[in-house]
Amino acid sequence: METGEQGPETVATPASGTGRSGSAALAIGLYVGARLVLVAVLAGVLVLVGLPVLVALIIAIVLALPLSLVLFRPLRARVNAELGAVTATRREQRERLRAELRGDDPAA
């Protein structure tokens, strides 16, 4: 059994997570989309300044990483909450299945 592998960060699940994989996918999609928009905006500004497109794109990707950590903190928190809730739901389902396979009382 894998009871000792879980770290302290997976013990508490935030109340805002729903536990549905669709909501987790939506949160991830929003975060990725916001990061891509940030890269596009930065690249556009750099191209308007006079840099070649490829150079502007590379610089925009490098600059977008630290900026997205600061600018999109609420989106990252939402992604973490949703993934935590999905993980907790899957863990609960897995434990229920294992208990059923062992023949334990399902009410427990």
C-alpha atoms as a PDB file:
ATOM      1  CA  MET A   1       0.000   0.000   0.000  1.00  0.00           C
ATOM      2  CA  GLU A   2       1.107   3.575  -0.652  1.00  0.00           C
ATOM      3  CA  THR A   3       0.020   5.222   2.592  1.00  0.00           C
ATOM      4  CA  GLY A   4       3.414   6.711   3.435  1.00  0.00           C
ATOM      5  CA  GLU A   5       4.023   8.420   0.085  1.00  0.00           C
ATOM      6  CA  GLN A   6       1.611  11.326   0.445  1.00  0.00           C
ATOM      7  CA  GLY A   7       3.219  14.614   1.433  1.00  0.00           C
ATOM      8  CA  PRO A   8       1.706  17.220   3.729  1.00  0.00           C
ATOM      9  CA  GLU A   9       0.670  19.374   0.775  1.00  0.00           C
ATOM     10  CA  THR A  10      -1.868  16.758  -0.331  1.00  0.00           C
ATOM     11  CA  VAL A  11      -3.538  16.283   3.042  1.00  0.00           C
ATOM     12  CA  ALA A  12      -5.706  19.395   3.118  1.00  0.00           C
ATOM     13  CA  THR A  13      -7.942  20.101   0.169  1.00  0.00           C
ATOM     14  CA  PRO A  14      -9.112  23.661  -0.401  1.00  0.00           C
ATOM     15  CA  ALA A  15     -12.843  24.291  -0.115  1.00  0.00           C
ATOM     16  CA  SER A  16     -13.013  26.024  -3.495  1.00  0.00           C
ATOM     17  CA  GLY A  17     -12.152  22.869  -5.470  1.00  0.00           C
ATOM     18  CA  THR A  18     -15.061  20.883  -6.832  1.00  0.00           C
ATOM     19  CA  GLY A  19     -13.354  17.550  -7.406  1.00  0.00           C
ATOM     20  CA  ARG A  20     -14.558  17.312 -10.994  1.00  0.00           C
ATOM     21  CA  SER A  21     -11.968  16.826 -13.696  1.00  0.00           C
ATOM     22  CA  GLY A  22     -13.903  19.155 -16.041  1.00  0.00           C
ATOM     23  CA  SER A  23     -13.482  22.093 -13.700  1.00  0.00           C
ATOM     24  CA  ALA A  24      -9.798  21.258 -13.297  1.00  0.00           C
ATOM     25  CA  ALA A  25      -9.399  21.203 -17.083  1.00  0.00           C
ATOM     26  CA  LEU A  26     -11.145  24.561 -17.316  1.00  0.00           C
ATOM     27  CA  ALA A  27      -8.865  26.083 -14.674  1.00  0.00           C
ATOM     28  CA  ILE A  28      -5.774  24.723 -16.426  1.00  0.00           C
ATOM     29  CA  GLY A  29      -7.049  25.977 -19.783  1.00  0.00           C
ATOM     30  CA  LEU A  30      -7.621  29.460 -18.384  1.00  0.00           C
ATOM     31  CA  TYR A  31      -4.144  29.567 -16.875  1.00  0.00           C
ATOM     32  CA  VAL A  32      -2.440  28.322 -20.037  1.00  0.00           C
ATOM     33  CA  GLY A  33      -4.500  30.708 -22.167  1.00  0.00           C
ATOM     34  CA  ALA A  34      -3.581  33.654 -19.965  1.00  0.00           C
ATOM     35  CA  ARG A  35       0.093  32.760 -20.210  1.00  0.00           C
ATOM     36  CA  LEU A  36      -0.113  32.469 -24.007  1.00  0.00           C
ATOM     37  CA  VAL A  37      -1.838  35.857 -24.230  1.00  0.00           C
ATOM     38  CA  LEU A  38       0.922  37.326 -22.072  1.00  0.00           C
ATOM     39  CA  VAL A  39       3.585  35.909 -24.407  1.00  0.00           C
ATOM     40  CA  ALA A  40       1.715  37.281 -27.431  1.00  0.00           C
ATOM     41  CA  VAL A  41       1.377  40.739 -25.895  1.00  0.00           C
ATOM     42  CA  LEU A  42       5.035  40.864 -24.874  1.00  0.00           C
ATOM     43  CA  ALA A  43       6.154  39.646 -28.306  1.00  0.00           C
ATOM     44  CA  GLY A  44       3.922  42.209 -29.989  1.00  0.00           C
ATOM     45  CA  VAL A  45       5.377  45.039 -27.928  1.00  0.00           C
ATOM     46  CA  LEU A  46       8.916  43.871 -28.671  1.00  0.00           C
ATOM     47  CA  VAL A  47       8.168  43.644 -32.398  1.00  0.00           C
ATOM     48  CA  LEU A  48       6.756  47.181 -32.328  1.00  0.00           C
ATOM     49  CA  VAL A  49       9.982  48.318 -30.659  1.00  0.00           C
ATOM     50  CA  GLY A  50      11.880  46.966 -33.641  1.00  0.00           C
ATOM     51  CA  LEU A  51      13.103  43.491 -32.720  1.00  0.00           C
ATOM     52  CA  PRO A  52      12.810  40.648 -35.223  1.00  0.00           C
ATOM     53  CA  VAL A  53       9.805  38.395 -34.630  1.00  0.00           C
ATOM     54  CA  LEU A  54      11.789  35.306 -33.623  1.00  0.00           C
ATOM     55  CA  VAL A  55      13.992  37.221 -31.194  1.00  0.00           C
ATOM     56  CA  ALA A  56      10.944  38.995 -29.774  1.00  0.00           C
ATOM     57  CA  LEU A  57       9.172  35.671 -29.297  1.00  0.00           C
ATOM     58  CA  ILE A  58      12.133  34.115 -27.482  1.00  0.00           C
ATOM     59  CA  ILE A  59      12.511  37.125 -25.192  1.00  0.00           C
ATOM     60  CA  ALA A  60       8.744  37.182 -24.576  1.00  0.00           C
ATOM     61  CA  ILE A  61       8.755  33.517 -23.539  1.00  0.00           C
ATOM     62  CA  VAL A  62      11.610  34.131 -21.119  1.00  0.00           C
ATOM     63  CA  LEU A  63       9.959  37.248 -19.664  1.00  0.00           C
ATOM     64  CA  ALA A  64       6.508  35.664 -19.430  1.00  0.00           C
ATOM     65  CA  LEU A  65       7.577  32.988 -16.949  1.00  0.00           C
ATOM     66  CA  PRO A  66       8.347  35.232 -13.976  1.00  0.00           C
ATOM     67  CA  LEU A  67       5.618  37.709 -14.936  1.00  0.00           C
ATOM     68  CA  SER A  68       2.974  34.983 -15.053  1.00  0.00           C
ATOM     69  CA  LEU A  69       3.997  33.792 -11.597  1.00  0.00           C
ATOM     70  CA  VAL A  70       3.233  37.260 -10.248  1.00  0.00           C
ATOM     71  CA  LEU A  71       0.351  38.377 -12.483  1.00  0.00           C
ATOM     72  CA  PHE A  72      -1.624  35.133 -12.543  1.00  0.00           C
ATOM     73  CA  ARG A  73      -1.292  34.092  -8.908  1.00  0.00           C
ATOM     74  CA  PRO A  74      -5.099  33.756  -8.462  1.00  0.00           C
ATOM     75  CA  LEU A  75      -5.337  31.524 -11.540  1.00  0.00           C
ATOM     76  CA  ARG A  76      -2.499  29.347 -10.239  1.00  0.00           C
ATOM     77  CA  ALA A  77      -4.223  29.090  -6.866  1.00  0.00           C
ATOM     78  CA  ARG A  78      -7.420  28.017  -8.622  1.00  0.00           C
ATOM     79  CA  VAL A  79      -5.541  25.368 -10.620  1.00  0.00           C
ATOM     80  CA  ASN A  80      -3.925  24.083  -7.424  1.00  0.00           C
ATOM     81  CA  ALA A  81      -7.280  23.978  -5.624  1.00  0.00           C
ATOM     82  CA  GLU A  82      -8.999  22.142  -8.473  1.00  0.00           C
ATOM     83  CA  LEU A  83      -6.178  19.624  -8.845  1.00  0.00           C
ATOM     84  CA  GLY A  84      -6.135  19.067  -5.084  1.00  0.00           C
ATOM     85  CA  ALA A  85      -9.866  18.415  -5.079  1.00  0.00           C
ATOM     86  CA  VAL A  86      -9.620  16.022  -8.037  1.00  0.00           C
ATOM     87  CA  THR A  87      -6.742  14.203  -6.328  1.00  0.00           C
ATOM     88  CA  ALA A  88      -8.721  13.889  -3.088  1.00  0.00           C
ATOM     89  CA  THR A  89     -11.759  12.577  -4.968  1.00  0.00           C
ATOM     90  CA  ARG A  90      -9.676  10.019  -6.845  1.00  0.00           C
ATOM     91  CA  ARG A  91      -7.925   8.954  -3.639  1.00  0.00           C
ATOM     92  CA  GLU A  92     -11.299   8.463  -1.943  1.00  0.00           C
ATOM     93  CA  GLN A  93     -12.628   6.444  -4.887  1.00  0.00           C
ATOM     94  CA  ARG A  94      -9.467   4.336  -4.957  1.00  0.00           C
ATOM     95  CA  GLU A  95      -9.678   3.594  -1.238  1.00  0.00           C
ATOM     96  CA  ARG A  96     -13.374   2.727  -1.547  1.00  0.00           C
ATOM     97  CA  LEU A  97     -12.574   0.319  -4.404  1.00  0.00           C
ATOM     98  CA  ARG A  98      -9.723  -1.275  -2.461  1.00  0.00           C
ATOM     99  CA  ALA A  99     -11.986  -1.709   0.566  1.00  0.00           C
ATOM    100  CA  GLU A 100     -14.630  -3.295  -1.629  1.00  0.00           C
ATOM    101  CA  LEU A 101     -12.084  -5.651  -3.166  1.00  0.00           C
ATOM    102  CA  ARG A 102     -10.842  -6.623   0.307  1.00  0.00           C
ATOM    103  CA  GLY A 103     -14.435  -7.342   1.289  1.00  0.00           C
ATOM    104  CA  ASP A 104     -14.574  -4.659   3.977  1.00  0.00           C
ATOM    105  CA  ASP A 105     -17.858  -3.120   5.074  1.00  0.00           C
ATOM    106  CA  PRO A 106     -18.750  -0.382   2.522  1.00  0.00           C
ATOM    107  CA  ALA A 107     -20.383   1.732   5.262  1.00  0.00           C
ATOM    108  CA  ALA A 108     -17.002   2.229   6.965  1.00  0.00           C
END
